[in-house]
N, C-alpha and C. Protein backbone atom coordinates (compact mmCIF):
# COMPACT_ATOMS: atom_id res chain seq x y z
N MET A 1 0.81 -1.20 0.00
CA MET A 1 0.00 0.00 0.00
C MET A 1 0.86 1.26 0.00
N LYS A 2 1.86 1.26 0.87
CA LYS A 2 2.73 2.43 0.99
C LYS A 2 3.40 2.74 -0.34
N GLU A 3 3.89 1.70 -1.01
CA GLU A 3 4.57 1.88 -2.28
C GLU A 3 3.62 2.40 -3.35
N LEU A 4 2.38 1.93 -3.32
CA LEU A 4 1.37 2.37 -4.29
C LEU A 4 1.10 3.86 -4.15
N VAL A 5 0.91 4.33 -2.93
CA VAL A 5 0.66 5.76 -2.70
C VAL A 5 1.87 6.58 -3.10
N GLU A 6 3.05 6.07 -2.80
CA GLU A 6 4.29 6.79 -3.14
C GLU A 6 4.45 6.93 -4.65
N ILE A 7 4.19 5.88 -5.39
CA ILE A 7 4.31 5.92 -6.84
C ILE A 7 3.30 6.89 -7.45
N LEU A 8 2.06 6.84 -6.96
CA LEU A 8 1.03 7.74 -7.47
C LEU A 8 1.38 9.20 -7.18
N ALA A 9 1.82 9.48 -5.97
CA ALA A 9 2.14 10.85 -5.58
C ALA A 9 3.34 11.39 -6.36
N LYS A 10 4.36 10.58 -6.51
CA LYS A 10 5.56 11.05 -7.23
C LYS A 10 5.26 11.34 -8.69
N ALA A 11 4.29 10.64 -9.26
CA ALA A 11 3.91 10.89 -10.65
C ALA A 11 3.17 12.22 -10.81
N LEU A 12 2.55 12.69 -9.75
CA LEU A 12 1.73 13.90 -9.83
C LEU A 12 2.48 15.20 -9.54
N VAL A 13 3.52 15.15 -8.71
CA VAL A 13 4.14 16.37 -8.20
C VAL A 13 5.34 16.81 -9.03
N ASP A 14 5.76 18.08 -8.81
CA ASP A 14 6.95 18.62 -9.47
C ASP A 14 8.23 18.28 -8.71
N GLN A 15 8.10 18.06 -7.41
CA GLN A 15 9.26 17.75 -6.57
C GLN A 15 9.09 16.35 -5.95
N PRO A 16 9.35 15.30 -6.73
CA PRO A 16 9.13 13.94 -6.22
C PRO A 16 10.06 13.56 -5.07
N ASP A 17 11.18 14.25 -4.92
CA ASP A 17 12.10 13.94 -3.83
C ASP A 17 11.55 14.39 -2.47
N LYS A 18 10.54 15.25 -2.47
CA LYS A 18 9.95 15.74 -1.21
C LYS A 18 8.69 14.97 -0.83
N VAL A 19 8.39 13.90 -1.53
CA VAL A 19 7.24 13.07 -1.20
C VAL A 19 7.65 12.13 -0.06
N ASP A 20 6.86 12.13 1.00
CA ASP A 20 7.13 11.27 2.15
C ASP A 20 5.85 10.51 2.51
N VAL A 21 5.94 9.20 2.55
CA VAL A 21 4.79 8.37 2.87
C VAL A 21 5.14 7.53 4.10
N THR A 22 4.30 7.62 5.13
CA THR A 22 4.48 6.80 6.33
C THR A 22 3.22 5.99 6.56
N MET A 23 3.41 4.81 7.12
CA MET A 23 2.30 3.92 7.37
C MET A 23 2.19 3.67 8.86
N VAL A 24 1.02 3.91 9.42
CA VAL A 24 0.79 3.72 10.85
C VAL A 24 -0.27 2.63 11.02
N GLU A 25 0.13 1.54 11.66
CA GLU A 25 -0.79 0.42 11.89
C GLU A 25 -1.59 0.68 13.15
N LYS A 26 -2.90 0.53 13.06
CA LYS A 26 -3.77 0.64 14.22
C LYS A 26 -4.48 -0.69 14.41
N GLU A 27 -5.35 -0.77 15.40
CA GLU A 27 -6.01 -2.04 15.70
C GLU A 27 -6.73 -2.65 14.51
N ARG A 28 -7.64 -1.89 13.94
CA ARG A 28 -8.46 -2.43 12.87
C ARG A 28 -8.18 -1.83 11.51
N SER A 29 -7.24 -0.89 11.44
CA SER A 29 -7.01 -0.22 10.16
C SER A 29 -5.55 0.18 10.01
N VAL A 30 -5.23 0.64 8.84
CA VAL A 30 -3.91 1.15 8.52
C VAL A 30 -4.08 2.58 8.03
N VAL A 31 -3.31 3.51 8.59
CA VAL A 31 -3.36 4.90 8.17
C VAL A 31 -2.09 5.20 7.38
N ILE A 32 -2.27 5.67 6.16
CA ILE A 32 -1.14 6.04 5.31
C ILE A 32 -1.12 7.57 5.25
N GLU A 33 -0.02 8.15 5.72
CA GLU A 33 0.12 9.61 5.73
C GLU A 33 1.00 10.02 4.56
N LEU A 34 0.49 10.92 3.75
CA LEU A 34 1.20 11.41 2.58
C LEU A 34 1.57 12.87 2.80
N ARG A 35 2.87 13.16 2.71
CA ARG A 35 3.36 14.53 2.84
C ARG A 35 4.06 14.91 1.55
N VAL A 36 3.73 16.11 1.05
CA VAL A 36 4.37 16.63 -0.16
C VAL A 36 4.80 18.06 0.11
N ALA A 37 5.56 18.63 -0.81
CA ALA A 37 5.98 20.03 -0.69
C ALA A 37 4.72 20.91 -0.74
N PRO A 38 4.73 22.03 -0.02
CA PRO A 38 3.55 22.92 0.00
C PRO A 38 3.11 23.37 -1.40
N GLU A 39 4.06 23.56 -2.31
CA GLU A 39 3.72 23.99 -3.67
C GLU A 39 2.97 22.91 -4.44
N ASP A 40 3.19 21.65 -4.07
CA ASP A 40 2.59 20.52 -4.78
C ASP A 40 1.28 20.05 -4.16
N MET A 41 0.87 20.66 -3.06
CA MET A 41 -0.33 20.22 -2.36
C MET A 41 -1.56 20.26 -3.26
N GLY A 42 -1.69 21.30 -4.05
CA GLY A 42 -2.83 21.44 -4.95
C GLY A 42 -2.88 20.37 -6.02
N LYS A 43 -1.72 19.93 -6.47
CA LYS A 43 -1.66 18.90 -7.50
C LYS A 43 -2.09 17.55 -6.95
N VAL A 44 -1.82 17.30 -5.69
CA VAL A 44 -2.19 16.02 -5.08
C VAL A 44 -3.67 16.01 -4.70
N ILE A 45 -4.19 17.17 -4.30
CA ILE A 45 -5.60 17.24 -3.91
C ILE A 45 -6.50 17.38 -5.15
N GLY A 46 -6.13 18.24 -6.07
CA GLY A 46 -6.90 18.42 -7.30
C GLY A 46 -8.10 19.32 -7.09
N LYS A 47 -8.76 19.66 -8.19
CA LYS A 47 -9.95 20.51 -8.12
C LYS A 47 -11.06 19.77 -7.38
N GLN A 48 -11.57 20.42 -6.35
CA GLN A 48 -12.64 19.88 -5.51
C GLN A 48 -12.29 18.51 -4.94
N GLY A 49 -10.99 18.23 -4.80
CA GLY A 49 -10.55 16.99 -4.16
C GLY A 49 -10.66 15.75 -5.03
N ARG A 50 -10.75 15.95 -6.33
CA ARG A 50 -10.95 14.80 -7.23
C ARG A 50 -9.76 13.86 -7.26
N ILE A 51 -8.56 14.40 -7.31
CA ILE A 51 -7.37 13.54 -7.39
C ILE A 51 -7.17 12.80 -6.07
N ALA A 52 -7.37 13.50 -4.95
CA ALA A 52 -7.26 12.86 -3.63
C ALA A 52 -8.28 11.73 -3.51
N ARG A 53 -9.49 11.97 -3.99
CA ARG A 53 -10.53 10.95 -3.94
C ARG A 53 -10.15 9.75 -4.81
N ALA A 54 -9.54 10.02 -5.96
CA ALA A 54 -9.12 8.94 -6.86
C ALA A 54 -8.00 8.11 -6.23
N ILE A 55 -7.05 8.78 -5.57
CA ILE A 55 -5.97 8.05 -4.89
C ILE A 55 -6.56 7.16 -3.80
N ARG A 56 -7.50 7.70 -3.03
CA ARG A 56 -8.13 6.91 -1.96
C ARG A 56 -8.90 5.72 -2.53
N SER A 57 -9.54 5.91 -3.68
CA SER A 57 -10.29 4.81 -4.29
C SER A 57 -9.38 3.69 -4.75
N VAL A 58 -8.26 4.04 -5.36
CA VAL A 58 -7.31 3.03 -5.83
C VAL A 58 -6.73 2.26 -4.65
N VAL A 59 -6.36 2.97 -3.61
CA VAL A 59 -5.79 2.32 -2.42
C VAL A 59 -6.84 1.45 -1.74
N LYS A 60 -8.06 1.93 -1.68
CA LYS A 60 -9.14 1.15 -1.06
C LYS A 60 -9.38 -0.15 -1.83
N ALA A 61 -9.32 -0.08 -3.15
CA ALA A 61 -9.51 -1.27 -3.97
C ALA A 61 -8.37 -2.27 -3.73
N ALA A 62 -7.15 -1.77 -3.62
CA ALA A 62 -6.02 -2.66 -3.36
C ALA A 62 -6.10 -3.25 -1.96
N ALA A 63 -6.62 -2.48 -1.00
CA ALA A 63 -6.73 -2.95 0.38
C ALA A 63 -7.82 -4.00 0.52
N THR A 64 -8.87 -3.87 -0.27
CA THR A 64 -9.95 -4.85 -0.22
C THR A 64 -9.44 -6.23 -0.57
N LYS A 65 -8.50 -6.27 -1.49
CA LYS A 65 -7.89 -7.54 -1.88
C LYS A 65 -7.18 -8.20 -0.70
N GLN A 66 -6.58 -7.38 0.16
CA GLN A 66 -5.85 -7.88 1.33
C GLN A 66 -6.71 -7.90 2.59
N ARG A 67 -7.98 -7.53 2.45
CA ARG A 67 -8.94 -7.50 3.56
C ARG A 67 -8.48 -6.62 4.71
N LYS A 68 -8.05 -5.42 4.35
CA LYS A 68 -7.65 -4.43 5.33
C LYS A 68 -8.41 -3.14 5.10
N ARG A 69 -8.56 -2.34 6.13
CA ARG A 69 -9.17 -1.01 6.00
C ARG A 69 -8.04 0.01 5.99
N VAL A 70 -7.95 0.74 4.92
CA VAL A 70 -6.85 1.69 4.75
C VAL A 70 -7.42 3.10 4.63
N ILE A 71 -6.80 4.02 5.36
CA ILE A 71 -7.18 5.44 5.33
C ILE A 71 -5.97 6.21 4.82
N VAL A 72 -6.17 7.04 3.80
CA VAL A 72 -5.10 7.86 3.25
C VAL A 72 -5.33 9.30 3.72
N GLU A 73 -4.35 9.83 4.43
CA GLU A 73 -4.41 11.21 4.90
C GLU A 73 -3.35 12.03 4.19
N ILE A 74 -3.74 13.15 3.64
CA ILE A 74 -2.80 14.04 2.96
C ILE A 74 -2.49 15.17 3.96
N ILE A 75 -1.24 15.23 4.37
CA ILE A 75 -0.84 16.18 5.41
C ILE A 75 0.02 17.27 4.79
C-alpha cells in the first residue's frame, strides 16, 4: 500500500524527492500519511478533491484484496 501511494504521488508532483509516505498500523485499520511540498499540495488534492478521492479509491480497492481497512491522509 505504501509503495502504491508513493508511486502515485511522485507521478503527480513537481518535486518527487519531497514526497514522504508513512504507514501507521492501528487495531483495525492502517493509516497512510502522505506529505508533499507545499507547492505541490494542490496537485495532489486536485480541483474539488478529485485527485485525492481517486488516490483513496485506488488504495481502497487494493486494500480490499488484502482484507484491510486503509485510510489515506494528505498532510
